[in-house]
Every structure is written in C-alpha cells, then in structure tokens.
Amino acid sequence: MHRHHPKHTTPAKSDPATPKKVQPDVASVGKEHAVRSVCADDIRLCAYRKWESAGAPDGDGILFWLEAEQELLHGV
C-alpha cells in the first residue's frame, strides 16, 4: 500500500512594507460590549418610571422604553 505524504512547503516571506493584521484583544472587546441579561418586565418597569417622572406625556412611550433598555442592558 502506498502512503501519500504531504509536500513540505516553506512559508512565504512577508513583505516588510505590508502591514501585519492585528487581532483585537478579546478581553478588552468583551468588557466594552458587555451585555446583561434583562427581562422585558424589568425594562417595562424602568420605562414606566422614566415616563412617570417625565410627567406622563402623551405618546407611545417608545423613547422611554429604548432609554430603559439601553440603561439596563449596557449600563448607559
């Protein structure tokens, strides 16, 4: 039986003028984009409190919901 041996190749030399690709630091990326787990009821309650403290204005309240969602999920 004949075995197939892969050819040995040497890596191509890199051109010093070509910038190298740098991988982002995973630890720092993870900290910047940390997302918490929050249920819809928590967002609803936070949005309601924001709406109430704003004087209960007319409208659908979507801006209060989005603000509450950002605050709870991302700590913004």
PDB file of N, CA and C in Angstrom:
ATOM      1  N   MET A   1       0.836  -1.179   0.000  1.00  0.00           N
ATOM      2  CA  MET A   1       0.000   0.000   0.000  1.00  0.00           C
ATOM      3  C   MET A   1       0.881   1.242   0.000  1.00  0.00           C
ATOM      4  N   HIS A   2       0.509   2.220  -0.795  1.00  0.00           N
ATOM      5  CA  HIS A   2       1.293   3.431  -0.943  1.00  0.00           C
ATOM      6  C   HIS A   2       0.692   4.550  -0.095  1.00  0.00           C
ATOM      7  N   ARG A   3       1.493   5.173   0.733  1.00  0.00           N
ATOM      8  CA  ARG A   3       1.025   6.300   1.545  1.00  0.00           C
ATOM      9  C   ARG A   3       1.293   7.615   0.838  1.00  0.00           C
ATOM     10  N   HIS A   4       0.350   8.518   0.984  1.00  0.00           N
ATOM     11  CA  HIS A   4       0.515   9.844   0.408  1.00  0.00           C
ATOM     12  C   HIS A   4       1.124  10.745   1.470  1.00  0.00           C
ATOM     13  N   HIS A   5       2.257  11.324   1.180  1.00  0.00           N
ATOM     14  CA  HIS A   5       2.918  12.243   2.102  1.00  0.00           C
ATOM     15  C   HIS A   5       2.697  13.661   1.619  1.00  0.00           C
ATOM     16  N   PRO A   6       2.232  14.528   2.505  1.00  0.00           N
ATOM     17  CA  PRO A   6       2.043  15.918   2.074  1.00  0.00           C
ATOM     18  C   PRO A   6       3.384  16.561   1.762  1.00  0.00           C
ATOM     19  N   LYS A   7       3.364  17.442   0.796  1.00  0.00           N
ATOM     20  CA  LYS A   7       4.588  18.155   0.443  1.00  0.00           C
ATOM     21  C   LYS A   7       4.915  19.153   1.547  1.00  0.00           C
ATOM     22  N   HIS A   8       6.174  19.248   1.839  1.00  0.00           N
ATOM     23  CA  HIS A   8       6.610  20.233   2.820  1.00  0.00           C
ATOM     24  C   HIS A   8       6.852  21.539   2.091  1.00  0.00           C
ATOM     25  N   THR A   9       6.246  22.571   2.589  1.00  0.00           N
ATOM     26  CA  THR A   9       6.430  23.871   1.965  1.00  0.00           C
ATOM     27  C   THR A   9       7.003  24.827   2.980  1.00  0.00           C
ATOM     28  N   THR A  10       7.709  25.797   2.505  1.00  0.00           N
ATOM     29  CA  THR A  10       8.235  26.828   3.384  1.00  0.00           C
ATOM     30  C   THR A  10       7.303  28.015   3.301  1.00  0.00           C
ATOM     31  N   PRO A  11       7.079  28.678   4.411  1.00  0.00           N
ATOM     32  CA  PRO A  11       6.182  29.834   4.375  1.00  0.00           C
ATOM     33  C   PRO A  11       6.772  30.947   3.518  1.00  0.00           C
ATOM     34  N   ALA A  12       5.888  31.649   2.844  1.00  0.00           N
ATOM     35  CA  ALA A  12       6.328  32.760   2.021  1.00  0.00           C
ATOM     36  C   ALA A  12       6.851  33.871   2.918  1.00  0.00           C
ATOM     37  N   LYS A  13       7.895  34.519   2.457  1.00  0.00           N
ATOM     38  CA  LYS A  13       8.453  35.622   3.241  1.00  0.00           C
ATOM     39  C   LYS A  13       7.501  36.805   3.146  1.00  0.00           C
ATOM     40  N   SER A  14       7.323  37.473   4.290  1.00  0.00           N
ATOM     41  CA  SER A  14       6.417  38.619   4.280  1.00  0.00           C
ATOM     42  C   SER A  14       7.149  39.862   3.808  1.00  0.00           C
ATOM     43  N   ASP A  15       6.426  40.696   3.141  1.00  0.00           N
ATOM     44  CA  ASP A  15       6.961  41.950   2.642  1.00  0.00           C
ATOM     45  C   ASP A  15       6.966  42.947   3.798  1.00  0.00           C
ATOM     46  N   PRO A  16       8.113  43.538   4.160  1.00  0.00           N
ATOM     47  CA  PRO A  16       8.145  44.474   5.289  1.00  0.00           C
ATOM     48  C   PRO A  16       7.278  45.704   5.066  1.00  0.00           C
ATOM     49  N   ALA A  17       6.960  46.032   3.829  1.00  0.00           N
ATOM     50  CA  ALA A  17       6.119  47.193   3.554  1.00  0.00           C
ATOM     51  C   ALA A  17       4.644  46.893   3.782  1.00  0.00           C
ATOM     52  N   THR A  18       4.278  45.617   3.846  1.00  0.00           N
ATOM     53  CA  THR A  18       2.892  45.228   4.044  1.00  0.00           C
ATOM     54  C   THR A  18       2.594  45.179   5.537  1.00  0.00           C
ATOM     55  N   PRO A  19       1.599  45.950   5.989  1.00  0.00           N
ATOM     56  CA  PRO A  19       1.278  45.917   7.425  1.00  0.00           C
ATOM     57  C   PRO A  19       0.704  44.573   7.827  1.00  0.00           C
ATOM     58  N   LYS A  20       1.035  44.133   9.023  1.00  0.00           N
ATOM     59  CA  LYS A  20       0.518  42.876   9.532  1.00  0.00           C
ATOM     60  C   LYS A  20      -0.862  43.088  10.119  1.00  0.00           C
ATOM     61  N   LYS A  21      -1.709  42.084   9.991  1.00  0.00           N
ATOM     62  CA  LYS A  21      -3.036  42.144  10.595  1.00  0.00           C
ATOM     63  C   LYS A  21      -2.905  41.869  12.083  1.00  0.00           C
ATOM     64  N   VAL A  22      -3.571  42.656  12.859  1.00  0.00           N
ATOM     65  CA  VAL A  22      -3.505  42.503  14.305  1.00  0.00           C
ATOM     66  C   VAL A  22      -4.869  42.077  14.813  1.00  0.00           C
ATOM     67  N   GLN A  23      -4.899  41.019  15.599  1.00  0.00           N
ATOM     68  CA  GLN A  23      -6.141  40.544  16.188  1.00  0.00           C
ATOM     69  C   GLN A  23      -6.481  41.417  17.389  1.00  0.00           C
ATOM     70  N   PRO A  24      -7.751  41.801  17.550  1.00  0.00           N
ATOM     71  CA  PRO A  24      -8.127  42.603  18.711  1.00  0.00           C
ATOM     72  C   PRO A  24      -7.980  41.794  19.993  1.00  0.00           C
ATOM     73  N   ASP A  25      -7.716  42.492  21.071  1.00  0.00           N
ATOM     74  CA  ASP A  25      -7.624  41.849  22.370  1.00  0.00           C
ATOM     75  C   ASP A  25      -9.029  41.452  22.789  1.00  0.00           C
ATOM     76  N   VAL A  26      -9.287  40.168  22.844  1.00  0.00           N
ATOM     77  CA  VAL A  26     -10.626  39.663  23.116  1.00  0.00           C
ATOM     78  C   VAL A  26     -11.117  40.116  24.486  1.00  0.00           C
ATOM     79  N   ALA A  27     -10.244  40.154  25.461  1.00  0.00           N
ATOM     80  CA  ALA A  27     -10.644  40.548  26.813  1.00  0.00           C
ATOM     81  C   ALA A  27     -11.147  41.986  26.836  1.00  0.00           C
ATOM     82  N   SER A  28     -10.446  42.885  26.136  1.00  0.00           N
ATOM     83  CA  SER A  28     -10.880  44.275  26.162  1.00  0.00           C
ATOM     84  C   SER A  28     -12.152  44.475  25.350  1.00  0.00           C
ATOM     85  N   VAL A  29     -12.301  43.747  24.261  1.00  0.00           N
ATOM     86  CA  VAL A  29     -13.519  43.853  23.462  1.00  0.00           C
ATOM     87  C   VAL A  29     -14.709  43.384  24.273  1.00  0.00           C
ATOM     88  N   GLY A  30     -14.540  42.289  24.995  1.00  0.00           N
ATOM     89  CA  GLY A  30     -15.621  41.744  25.802  1.00  0.00           C
ATOM     90  C   GLY A  30     -16.094  42.714  26.860  1.00  0.00           C
ATOM     91  N   LYS A  31     -15.175  43.448  27.490  1.00  0.00           N
ATOM     92  CA  LYS A  31     -15.540  44.397  28.535  1.00  0.00           C
ATOM     93  C   LYS A  31     -16.296  45.582  27.960  1.00  0.00           C
ATOM     94  N   GLU A  32     -15.886  46.045  26.780  1.00  0.00           N
ATOM     95  CA  GLU A  32     -16.524  47.209  26.172  1.00  0.00           C
ATOM     96  C   GLU A  32     -17.942  46.908  25.718  1.00  0.00           C
ATOM     97  N   HIS A  33     -18.207  45.682  25.347  1.00  0.00           N
ATOM     98  CA  HIS A  33     -19.501  45.322  24.786  1.00  0.00           C
ATOM     99  C   HIS A  33     -20.277  44.365  25.672  1.00  0.00           C
ATOM    100  N   ALA A  34     -20.063  44.486  26.955  1.00  0.00           N
ATOM    101  CA  ALA A  34     -20.763  43.591  27.879  1.00  0.00           C
ATOM    102  C   ALA A  34     -22.259  43.878  27.836  1.00  0.00           C
ATOM    103  N   VAL A  35     -23.037  42.836  27.729  1.00  0.00           N
ATOM    104  CA  VAL A  35     -24.485  42.964  27.694  1.00  0.00           C
ATOM    105  C   VAL A  35     -25.056  42.114  28.813  1.00  0.00           C
ATOM    106  N   ARG A  36     -25.897  42.714  29.605  1.00  0.00           N
ATOM    107  CA  ARG A  36     -26.522  41.999  30.705  1.00  0.00           C
ATOM    108  C   ARG A  36     -27.777  41.300  30.221  1.00  0.00           C
ATOM    109  N   SER A  37     -28.203  40.315  30.953  1.00  0.00           N
ATOM    110  CA  SER A  37     -29.451  39.633  30.656  1.00  0.00           C
ATOM    111  C   SER A  37     -30.556  40.324  31.457  1.00  0.00           C
ATOM    112  N   VAL A  38     -31.522  40.871  30.752  1.00  0.00           N
ATOM    113  CA  VAL A  38     -32.607  41.610  31.393  1.00  0.00           C
ATOM    114  C   VAL A  38     -33.932  41.151  30.799  1.00  0.00           C
ATOM    115  N   CYS A  39     -34.926  40.939  31.650  1.00  0.00           N
ATOM    116  CA  CYS A  39     -36.227  40.515  31.122  1.00  0.00           C
ATOM    117  C   CYS A  39     -37.060  41.749  30.735  1.00  0.00           C
ATOM    118  N   ALA A  40     -38.034  41.527  29.900  1.00  0.00           N
ATOM    119  CA  ALA A  40     -38.893  42.602  29.396  1.00  0.00           C
ATOM    120  C   ALA A  40     -39.630  43.306  30.537  1.00  0.00           C
ATOM    121  N   ASP A  41     -39.978  42.575  31.596  1.00  0.00           N
ATOM    122  CA  ASP A  41     -40.673  43.206  32.728  1.00  0.00           C
ATOM    123  C   ASP A  41     -39.794  44.245  33.417  1.00  0.00           C
ATOM    124  N   ASP A  42     -38.486  43.969  33.511  1.00  0.00           N
ATOM    125  CA  ASP A  42     -37.566  44.943  34.106  1.00  0.00           C
ATOM    126  C   ASP A  42     -37.488  46.203  33.251  1.00  0.00           C
ATOM    127  N   ILE A  43     -37.423  46.009  31.936  1.00  0.00           N
ATOM    128  CA  ILE A  43     -37.379  47.158  31.018  1.00  0.00           C
ATOM    129  C   ILE A  43     -38.680  47.940  31.115  1.00  0.00           C
ATOM    130  N   ARG A  44     -39.802  47.228  31.141  1.00  0.00           N
ATOM    131  CA  ARG A  44     -41.122  47.859  31.221  1.00  0.00           C
ATOM    132  C   ARG A  44     -41.239  48.717  32.481  1.00  0.00           C
ATOM    133  N   LEU A  45     -40.808  48.204  33.616  1.00  0.00           N
ATOM    134  CA  LEU A  45     -40.897  48.934  34.871  1.00  0.00           C
ATOM    135  C   LEU A  45     -39.993  50.168  34.861  1.00  0.00           C
ATOM    136  N   CYS A  46     -38.782  50.006  34.366  1.00  0.00           N
ATOM    137  CA  CYS A  46     -37.855  51.133  34.279  1.00  0.00           C
ATOM    138  C   CYS A  46     -38.400  52.204  33.333  1.00  0.00           C
ATOM    139  N   ALA A  47     -38.943  51.785  32.180  1.00  0.00           N
ATOM    140  CA  ALA A  47     -39.519  52.724  31.217  1.00  0.00           C
ATOM    141  C   ALA A  47     -40.716  53.445  31.823  1.00  0.00           C
ATOM    142  N   TYR A  48     -41.527  52.718  32.562  1.00  0.00           N
ATOM    143  CA  TYR A  48     -42.699  53.324  33.203  1.00  0.00           C
ATOM    144  C   TYR A  48     -42.271  54.396  34.190  1.00  0.00           C
ATOM    145  N   ARG A  49     -41.257  54.092  34.980  1.00  0.00           N
ATOM    146  CA  ARG A  49     -40.762  55.075  35.956  1.00  0.00           C
ATOM    147  C   ARG A  49     -40.211  56.311  35.260  1.00  0.00           C
ATOM    148  N   LYS A  50     -39.512  56.121  34.154  1.00  0.00           N
ATOM    149  CA  LYS A  50     -38.993  57.260  33.378  1.00  0.00           C
ATOM    150  C   LYS A  50     -40.144  58.082  32.800  1.00  0.00           C
ATOM    151  N   TRP A  51     -41.150  57.409  32.274  1.00  0.00           N
ATOM    152  CA  TRP A  51     -42.321  58.072  31.704  1.00  0.00           C
ATOM    153  C   TRP A  51     -43.062  58.856  32.789  1.00  0.00           C
ATOM    154  N   GLU A  52     -43.238  58.227  33.944  1.00  0.00           N
ATOM    155  CA  GLU A  52     -43.934  58.850  35.061  1.00  0.00           C
ATOM    156  C   GLU A  52     -43.178  60.081  35.561  1.00  0.00           C
ATOM    157  N   SER A  53     -41.851  59.961  35.696  1.00  0.00           N
ATOM    158  CA  SER A  53     -41.058  61.099  36.180  1.00  0.00           C
ATOM    159  C   SER A  53     -40.979  62.227  35.153  1.00  0.00           C
ATOM    160  N   ALA A  54     -41.275  61.929  33.888  1.00  0.00           N
ATOM    161  CA  ALA A  54     -41.311  62.958  32.846  1.00  0.00           C
ATOM    162  C   ALA A  54     -42.676  63.636  32.775  1.00  0.00           C
ATOM    163  N   GLY A  55     -43.576  63.280  33.689  1.00  0.00           N
ATOM    164  CA  GLY A  55     -44.892  63.914  33.715  1.00  0.00           C
ATOM    165  C   GLY A  55     -45.946  63.174  32.929  1.00  0.00           C
ATOM    166  N   ALA A  56     -45.729  61.913  32.632  1.00  0.00           N
ATOM    167  CA  ALA A  56     -46.686  61.077  31.900  1.00  0.00           C
ATOM    168  C   ALA A  56     -47.143  61.726  30.595  1.00  0.00           C
ATOM    169  N   PRO A  57     -46.197  62.045  29.701  1.00  0.00           N
ATOM    170  CA  PRO A  57     -46.570  62.692  28.442  1.00  0.00           C
ATOM    171  C   PRO A  57     -47.340  61.757  27.512  1.00  0.00           C
ATOM    172  N   ASP A  58     -48.114  62.370  26.611  1.00  0.00           N
ATOM    173  CA  ASP A  58     -48.843  61.593  25.607  1.00  0.00           C
ATOM    174  C   ASP A  58     -47.854  60.922  24.660  1.00  0.00           C
ATOM    175  N   GLY A  59     -48.305  59.880  24.014  1.00  0.00           N
ATOM    176  CA  GLY A  59     -47.465  59.176  23.038  1.00  0.00           C
ATOM    177  C   GLY A  59     -47.340  57.714  23.392  1.00  0.00           C
ATOM    178  N   ASP A  60     -46.608  56.999  22.558  1.00  0.00           N
ATOM    179  CA  ASP A  60     -46.500  55.551  22.757  1.00  0.00           C
ATOM    180  C   ASP A  60     -45.399  55.157  23.748  1.00  0.00           C
ATOM    181  N   GLY A  61     -44.528  56.082  24.138  1.00  0.00           N
ATOM    182  CA  GLY A  61     -43.513  55.802  25.143  1.00  0.00           C
ATOM    183  C   GLY A  61     -42.314  55.017  24.649  1.00  0.00           C
ATOM    184  N   ILE A  62     -42.176  54.884  23.335  1.00  0.00           N
ATOM    185  CA  ILE A  62     -41.077  54.088  22.791  1.00  0.00           C
ATOM    186  C   ILE A  62     -39.719  54.643  23.196  1.00  0.00           C
ATOM    187  N   LEU A  63     -39.609  55.964  23.289  1.00  0.00           N
ATOM    188  CA  LEU A  63     -38.323  56.549  23.679  1.00  0.00           C
ATOM    189  C   LEU A  63     -37.961  56.186  25.113  1.00  0.00           C
ATOM    190  N   PHE A  64     -38.961  56.125  25.989  1.00  0.00           N
ATOM    191  CA  PHE A  64     -38.707  55.712  27.370  1.00  0.00           C
ATOM    192  C   PHE A  64     -38.283  54.240  27.414  1.00  0.00           C
ATOM    193  N   TRP A  65     -38.923  53.420  26.604  1.00  0.00           N
ATOM    194  CA  TRP A  65     -38.578  52.002  26.538  1.00  0.00           C
ATOM    195  C   TRP A  65     -37.133  51.829  26.060  1.00  0.00           C
ATOM    196  N   LEU A  66     -36.784  52.504  24.971  1.00  0.00           N
ATOM    197  CA  LEU A  66     -35.440  52.375  24.415  1.00  0.00           C
ATOM    198  C   LEU A  66     -34.375  52.880  25.386  1.00  0.00           C
ATOM    199  N   GLU A  67     -34.665  53.962  26.054  1.00  0.00           N
ATOM    200  CA  GLU A  67     -33.726  54.507  27.044  1.00  0.00           C
ATOM    201  C   GLU A  67     -33.548  53.519  28.209  1.00  0.00           C
ATOM    202  N   ALA A  68     -34.638  52.951  28.689  1.00  0.00           N
ATOM    203  CA  ALA A  68     -34.591  51.979  29.774  1.00  0.00           C
ATOM    204  C   ALA A  68     -33.830  50.734  29.329  1.00  0.00           C
ATOM    205  N   GLU A  69     -34.080  50.283  28.111  1.00  0.00           N
ATOM    206  CA  GLU A  69     -33.411  49.100  27.582  1.00  0.00           C
ATOM    207  C   GLU A  69     -31.892  49.310  27.530  1.00  0.00           C
ATOM    208  N   GLN A  70     -31.480  50.461  27.000  1.00  0.00           N
ATOM    209  CA  GLN A  70     -30.047  50.770  26.941  1.00  0.00           C
ATOM    210  C   GLN A  70     -29.436  50.826  28.326  1.00  0.00           C
ATOM    211  N   GLU A  71     -30.125  51.467  29.226  1.00  0.00           N
ATOM    212  CA  GLU A  71     -29.631  51.617  30.587  1.00  0.00           C
ATOM    213  C   GLU A  71     -29.455  50.255  31.277  1.00  0.00           C
ATOM    214  N   LEU A  72     -30.456  49.398  31.152  1.00  0.00           N
ATOM    215  CA  LEU A  72     -30.398  48.107  31.827  1.00  0.00           C
ATOM    216  C   LEU A  72     -29.471  47.106  31.148  1.00  0.00           C
ATOM    217  N   LEU A  73     -29.450  47.108  29.830  1.00  0.00           N
ATOM    218  CA  LEU A  73     -28.628  46.141  29.111  1.00  0.00           C
ATOM    219  C   LEU A  73     -27.143  46.515  29.084  1.00  0.00           C
ATOM    220  N   HIS A  74     -26.880  47.787  28.914  1.00  0.00           N
ATOM    221  CA  HIS A  74     -25.496  48.226  28.697  1.00  0.00           C
ATOM    222  C   HIS A  74     -24.952  49.115  29.807  1.00  0.00           C
ATOM    223  N   GLY A  75     -25.776  49.429  30.788  1.00  0.00           N
ATOM    224  CA  GLY A  75     -25.320  50.285  31.871  1.00  0.00           C
ATOM    225  C   GLY A  75     -25.074  51.705  31.451  1.00  0.00           C
ATOM    226  N   VAL A  76     -25.770  52.147  30.412  1.00  0.00           N
ATOM    227  CA  VAL A  76     -25.579  53.505  29.878  1.00  0.00           C
ATOM    228  C   VAL A  76     -26.469  54.468  30.618  1.00  0.00           C
TER     229      VAL A  76
END
